[in-house]
Amino acid sequence: MNKYEILIDDKITHISNGITLYRIKALRDFGDVKAGDLGGFIQKEVNLSHDGNCWIYGHAKVFDNAKIINDAVVEGKAEVYDNAIISDKAKVGGSAKIYCNAIIYRESGVYDNAEVYGNAEIGGNCIVLGHAKVYGNSGVYDNAWVIDHAKVFDEAVIQGDARIKDSSKVYGKAEVTNKSVIAEVAEIFGKSRIDGEEVIVKGRSMIENATVINGKFMLGANLEKTSDYLFIRNMDSQNGFITAFKDRKGIGITSNFFEGSLKQFKESISKERNIKQKEYEALITIIECRLGGE
């Protein structure tokens, strides 16, 4: 049995594209919807599944080939269109817009004036709100938040309990995970990886192709400007890298073979007895000049 009907005589014309949308009316009880309840607007039946508890409330609009399925909810003045899919127990509300080939699933929520588009995915128990934008081939997963005026795009991945906020940007093939916080007008891009329970990147920091990890040897990196870190690549035949950054104890070092403090890095290098030792000793001098000694 169908759970709703399309009210042919209760229609509106979308102000932007001239598409005619029709209000829906519940035919039976399901979820918190009662038979006779009026819903939002759709263009055609494919926009809202008759299965599950999915529903469109208020003045929300779903059109083109967009689909609301399972137990998903669209409410407020939100719009879902193009080929976007809202599934599982996901919610879209406020004046949010989901379009292109974007997918929102599991128990994620997109609210306020946020936009998700392109081939972006929002999955898990994520929150995207404010004027935030997630687009391109990017993904936001687990319990991550993208809020305020933050932007996540290209092939960037935000996961864990990460927080992307203020007017910060994460793009390229960057990954931000764990409980890392990217704030203010900081930018994370290239193949950077920001991973830590207390890693904070803020101010006017621009982190490109660097790896900043909060490991067992360090408290959190706290980067407020680009000069708070130093990234060097192609250190050896394995195309190794070293990132030096300020943490709460002094200077932290992350590389493809080491994670710890600058002091521990010095001790490790002092045990080397080959040509690399001189290179790393020179690098330590550069790090201390740039970031200060410990």
Protein backbone atom coordinates (compact mmCIF):
# COMPACT_ATOMS: atom_id res chain seq x y z
CA MET A 1 0.00 0.00 0.00
CA ASN A 2 1.31 3.44 -0.90
CA LYS A 3 2.02 5.61 2.10
CA TYR A 4 1.30 8.95 0.43
CA GLU A 5 -0.44 10.55 -2.48
CA ILE A 6 0.52 13.50 -4.66
CA LEU A 7 -1.96 16.38 -4.47
CA ILE A 8 -2.23 17.51 -8.07
CA ASP A 9 -4.18 20.63 -7.11
CA ASP A 10 -1.77 21.72 -4.36
CA LYS A 11 1.25 22.77 -6.35
CA ILE A 12 3.95 25.42 -6.57
CA THR A 13 6.39 26.55 -9.22
CA HIS A 14 10.04 26.49 -8.18
CA ILE A 15 11.26 30.07 -8.30
CA SER A 16 14.69 29.20 -9.81
CA ASN A 17 13.94 26.67 -12.52
CA GLY A 18 10.20 26.81 -13.15
CA ILE A 19 9.63 23.14 -12.23
CA THR A 20 6.17 22.34 -10.90
CA LEU A 21 6.20 20.66 -7.51
CA TYR A 22 3.30 18.98 -5.74
CA ARG A 23 2.49 18.65 -2.06
CA ILE A 24 2.27 15.16 -0.60
CA LYS A 25 -0.31 13.77 1.84
CA ALA A 26 0.12 10.70 4.04
CA LEU A 27 -2.33 7.85 3.40
CA ARG A 28 -1.40 5.81 6.49
CA ASP A 29 0.45 6.03 9.77
CA PHE A 30 4.22 5.44 9.79
CA GLY A 31 7.00 6.76 12.02
CA ASP A 32 5.72 10.00 13.53
CA VAL A 33 3.53 10.71 10.50
CA LYS A 34 -0.23 10.17 10.74
CA ALA A 35 -2.67 9.45 7.94
CA GLY A 36 -3.88 12.77 6.56
CA ASP A 37 -0.72 14.72 7.45
CA LEU A 38 0.49 17.08 4.75
CA GLY A 39 4.14 16.95 3.79
CA GLY A 40 6.49 18.96 1.64
CA PHE A 41 6.78 19.04 -2.13
CA ILE A 42 8.05 16.62 -4.77
CA GLN A 43 8.16 16.65 -8.54
CA LYS A 44 7.37 12.97 -9.07
CA GLU A 45 6.84 9.75 -7.19
CA VAL A 46 10.43 8.58 -7.60
CA ASN A 47 11.52 11.42 -5.28
CA LEU A 48 10.10 9.76 -2.15
CA SER A 49 10.02 6.03 -1.44
CA HIS A 50 6.81 4.37 -0.23
CA ASP A 51 8.95 2.01 1.89
CA GLY A 52 10.38 2.79 5.31
CA ASN A 53 9.62 5.89 7.38
CA CYS A 54 11.22 8.44 5.06
CA TRP A 55 9.27 11.68 4.75
CA ILE A 56 9.43 15.24 3.52
CA TYR A 57 8.12 17.83 5.98
CA GLY A 58 7.08 21.46 5.91
CA HIS A 59 8.18 23.47 2.89
CA ALA A 60 11.04 21.15 1.91
CA LYS A 61 11.38 20.35 -1.79
CA VAL A 62 12.73 17.28 -3.59
CA PHE A 63 12.86 17.17 -7.37
CA ASP A 64 14.69 16.09 -10.53
CA ASN A 65 15.93 12.52 -9.96
CA ALA A 66 16.75 12.99 -6.28
CA LYS A 67 15.62 10.21 -3.93
CA ILE A 68 14.63 10.11 -0.28
CA ILE A 69 14.67 6.49 0.89
CA ASN A 70 14.72 4.24 3.97
CA ASP A 71 14.05 6.36 7.08
CA ALA A 72 15.60 9.61 5.84
CA VAL A 73 13.99 12.98 6.58
CA VAL A 74 13.97 16.28 4.69
CA GLU A 75 12.42 19.21 6.52
CA GLY A 76 12.30 22.98 6.90
CA LYS A 77 13.03 24.77 3.64
CA ALA A 78 15.68 22.31 2.52
CA GLU A 79 16.05 21.34 -1.13
CA VAL A 80 17.32 18.06 -2.57
CA TYR A 81 17.66 17.77 -6.33
CA ASP A 82 19.64 16.56 -9.37
CA ASN A 83 20.68 12.97 -8.57
CA ALA A 84 21.24 13.37 -4.85
CA ILE A 85 20.27 10.58 -2.46
CA ILE A 86 19.31 10.86 1.22
CA SER A 87 19.11 7.43 2.84
CA ASP A 88 19.14 5.42 6.06
CA LYS A 89 18.31 7.76 8.99
CA ALA A 90 19.95 10.87 7.56
CA LYS A 91 18.32 14.29 8.03
CA VAL A 92 18.43 17.43 5.93
CA GLY A 93 16.88 20.58 7.32
CA GLY A 94 16.93 24.33 7.58
CA SER A 95 17.66 25.87 4.17
CA ALA A 96 20.30 23.28 3.28
CA LYS A 97 20.80 22.22 -0.34
CA ILE A 98 21.91 18.78 -1.48
CA TYR A 99 22.44 18.36 -5.21
CA CYS A 100 24.47 16.93 -8.11
CA ASN A 101 25.38 13.35 -7.13
CA ALA A 102 25.81 13.92 -3.41
CA ILE A 103 24.87 11.16 -0.96
CA ILE A 104 23.88 11.64 2.68
CA TYR A 105 23.47 8.42 4.65
CA ARG A 106 23.44 6.58 7.98
CA GLU A 107 22.57 9.11 10.71
CA SER A 108 24.26 12.21 9.33
CA GLY A 109 22.63 15.64 9.38
CA VAL A 110 22.94 18.65 7.08
CA TYR A 111 21.30 21.83 8.35
CA ASP A 112 21.05 25.63 8.20
CA ASN A 113 22.43 27.01 4.91
CA ALA A 114 24.94 24.24 4.32
CA GLU A 115 25.47 22.80 0.84
CA VAL A 116 26.64 19.36 -0.21
CA TYR A 117 27.13 18.72 -3.91
CA GLY A 118 29.32 17.22 -6.61
CA ASN A 119 30.09 13.59 -5.76
CA ALA A 120 30.49 14.30 -2.06
CA GLU A 121 29.50 11.75 0.59
CA ILE A 122 28.36 12.45 4.13
CA GLY A 123 28.11 9.25 6.15
CA GLY A 124 28.15 8.05 9.73
CA ASN A 125 26.91 10.42 12.42
CA CYS A 126 28.35 13.55 10.83
CA ILE A 127 27.08 17.11 11.03
CA VAL A 128 27.36 19.75 8.32
CA LEU A 129 25.79 23.07 9.22
CA GLY A 130 26.02 26.83 9.14
CA HIS A 131 27.20 28.00 5.73
CA ALA A 132 29.59 25.07 5.32
CA LYS A 133 30.16 23.49 1.91
CA VAL A 134 31.25 19.95 1.09
CA TYR A 135 31.74 19.19 -2.59
CA GLY A 136 33.90 17.64 -5.30
CA ASN A 137 34.81 14.03 -4.55
CA SER A 138 35.29 14.67 -0.86
CA GLY A 139 33.90 12.63 2.03
CA VAL A 140 32.93 13.32 5.63
CA TYR A 141 32.55 10.23 7.83
CA ASP A 142 32.21 8.84 11.34
CA ASN A 143 31.44 11.65 13.84
CA ALA A 144 33.14 14.52 12.02
CA TRP A 145 31.73 18.06 11.84
CA VAL A 146 32.04 20.63 9.09
CA ILE A 147 30.49 23.86 10.33
CA ASP A 148 30.40 27.65 10.11
CA HIS A 149 31.85 28.78 6.74
CA ALA A 150 34.27 25.88 6.38
CA LYS A 151 34.83 24.17 3.02
CA VAL A 152 35.85 20.61 2.20
CA PHE A 153 36.42 19.77 -1.45
CA ASP A 154 38.48 18.00 -4.12
CA GLU A 155 39.27 14.53 -2.74
CA ALA A 156 39.67 15.51 0.89
CA VAL A 157 38.51 13.12 3.62
CA ILE A 158 37.32 14.18 7.07
CA GLN A 159 36.70 11.40 9.57
CA GLY A 160 36.88 10.32 13.18
CA ASP A 161 35.83 13.14 15.52
CA ALA A 162 37.55 15.85 13.48
CA ARG A 163 36.17 19.39 13.49
CA ILE A 164 36.49 21.68 10.48
CA LYS A 165 35.15 25.09 11.41
CA ASP A 166 35.22 28.87 11.04
CA SER A 167 36.43 29.75 7.51
CA SER A 168 39.00 26.97 7.21
CA LYS A 169 39.48 24.83 4.09
CA VAL A 170 40.53 21.24 3.55
CA TYR A 171 41.13 20.19 -0.04
CA GLY A 172 43.38 18.35 -2.48
CA LYS A 173 43.88 14.81 -1.19
CA ALA A 174 44.20 15.91 2.42
CA GLU A 175 42.96 13.79 5.31
CA VAL A 176 41.91 15.11 8.70
CA THR A 177 41.02 12.51 11.29
CA ASN A 178 40.87 11.54 14.95
CA LYS A 179 40.02 14.63 17.08
CA SER A 180 41.98 17.13 15.02
CA VAL A 181 40.60 20.67 14.78
CA ILE A 182 41.07 22.91 11.74
CA ALA A 183 39.91 26.43 12.55
CA GLU A 184 39.94 30.14 11.71
CA VAL A 185 41.31 30.58 8.16
CA ALA A 186 43.72 27.64 8.14
CA GLU A 187 44.10 25.60 4.95
CA ILE A 188 45.05 21.93 4.72
CA PHE A 189 45.80 20.67 1.22
CA GLY A 190 47.97 18.53 -1.02
CA LYS A 191 48.48 15.08 0.47
CA SER A 192 48.56 16.34 4.04
CA ARG A 193 47.47 14.14 6.92
CA ILE A 194 46.36 15.74 10.17
CA ASP A 195 45.74 13.07 12.77
CA GLY A 196 45.55 13.50 16.50
CA GLU A 197 43.51 13.85 19.66
CA GLU A 198 44.84 17.32 20.40
CA VAL A 199 46.12 18.56 17.05
CA ILE A 200 44.92 22.10 16.37
CA VAL A 201 45.64 23.97 13.16
CA LYS A 202 44.36 27.54 13.14
CA GLY A 203 45.19 31.14 12.38
CA ARG A 204 46.58 31.61 8.86
CA SER A 205 48.35 28.25 8.73
CA MET A 206 48.70 26.66 5.30
CA ILE A 207 49.70 23.00 5.55
CA GLU A 208 50.67 21.40 2.24
CA ASN A 209 51.72 17.75 1.79
CA ALA A 210 52.69 17.51 5.47
CA THR A 211 51.91 14.89 8.08
CA VAL A 212 51.12 16.10 11.60
CA ILE A 213 50.29 13.30 13.99
CA ASN A 214 49.54 13.34 17.70
CA GLY A 215 51.28 10.18 18.85
CA LYS A 216 52.22 8.61 22.14
CA PHE A 217 55.31 10.82 22.48
CA MET A 218 53.56 14.14 22.01
CA LEU A 219 50.72 16.23 23.29
CA GLY A 220 49.04 18.17 20.50
CA ALA A 221 50.41 20.21 17.68
CA ASN A 222 49.17 23.79 17.94
CA LEU A 223 49.81 25.57 14.66
CA GLU A 224 48.69 29.17 14.33
CA LYS A 225 50.69 30.22 11.29
CA THR A 226 52.50 28.60 8.39
CA SER A 227 55.89 29.22 9.99
CA ASP A 228 54.92 26.89 12.88
CA TYR A 229 55.83 23.85 10.81
CA LEU A 230 58.47 22.72 8.33
CA PHE A 231 57.99 19.98 5.75
CA ILE A 232 60.82 18.37 3.78
CA ARG A 233 60.40 15.59 1.25
CA ASN A 234 62.67 13.25 -0.76
CA MET A 235 64.95 12.66 2.21
CA ASP A 236 66.24 9.33 0.89
CA SER A 237 65.87 6.76 -1.86
CA GLN A 238 62.46 5.85 -0.40
CA ASN A 239 61.13 9.37 -1.03
CA GLY A 240 60.93 9.85 2.70
CA PHE A 241 59.50 12.93 4.38
CA ILE A 242 59.95 14.80 7.63
CA THR A 243 57.50 17.23 9.22
CA ALA A 244 58.66 19.31 12.15
CA PHE A 245 56.01 21.25 14.07
CA LYS A 246 55.40 23.01 17.34
CA ASP A 247 53.62 21.02 19.99
CA ARG A 248 52.85 21.77 23.62
CA LYS A 249 56.17 20.39 24.81
CA GLY A 250 58.38 21.99 22.19
CA ILE A 251 58.98 20.59 18.71
CA GLY A 252 57.50 17.38 17.37
CA ILE A 253 58.84 15.30 14.49
CA THR A 254 56.84 13.01 12.22
CA SER A 255 58.38 11.10 9.33
CA ASN A 256 58.09 7.83 7.44
CA PHE A 257 60.42 6.24 10.01
CA PHE A 258 60.08 8.28 13.21
CA GLU A 259 57.51 9.89 15.48
CA GLY A 260 58.50 11.78 18.62
CA SER A 261 60.09 14.93 19.96
CA LEU A 262 63.03 16.79 18.45
CA LYS A 263 65.15 15.69 21.40
CA GLN A 264 64.31 12.05 20.73
CA PHE A 265 65.00 12.59 17.03
CA LYS A 266 68.48 13.93 17.86
CA GLU A 267 69.17 10.88 20.02
CA SER A 268 68.05 8.58 17.22
CA ILE A 269 70.22 10.30 14.63
CA SER A 270 73.27 10.31 16.90
CA LYS A 271 73.28 6.51 16.67
CA GLU A 272 73.59 6.59 12.88
CA ARG A 273 77.01 5.98 11.42
CA ASN A 274 76.51 6.65 7.73
CA ILE A 275 76.19 9.44 5.19
CA LYS A 276 72.63 10.15 6.28
CA GLN A 277 73.79 11.31 9.69
CA LYS A 278 75.32 14.52 8.33
CA GLU A 279 72.19 15.25 6.32
CA TYR A 280 69.94 14.83 9.33
CA GLU A 281 72.24 16.86 11.56
CA ALA A 282 72.05 19.69 9.02
CA LEU A 283 68.28 19.32 8.96
CA ILE A 284 68.11 19.58 12.75
CA THR A 285 69.98 22.88 12.55
CA ILE A 286 67.43 24.17 10.03
CA ILE A 287 64.54 23.02 12.20
CA GLU A 288 65.96 24.78 15.26
CA CYS A 289 66.51 27.98 13.28
CA ARG A 290 62.95 27.88 11.96
CA LEU A 291 61.05 26.70 15.02
CA GLY A 292 63.44 27.32 17.90
CA GLY A 293 65.25 24.78 20.03
CA GLU A 294 63.78 22.64 22.74
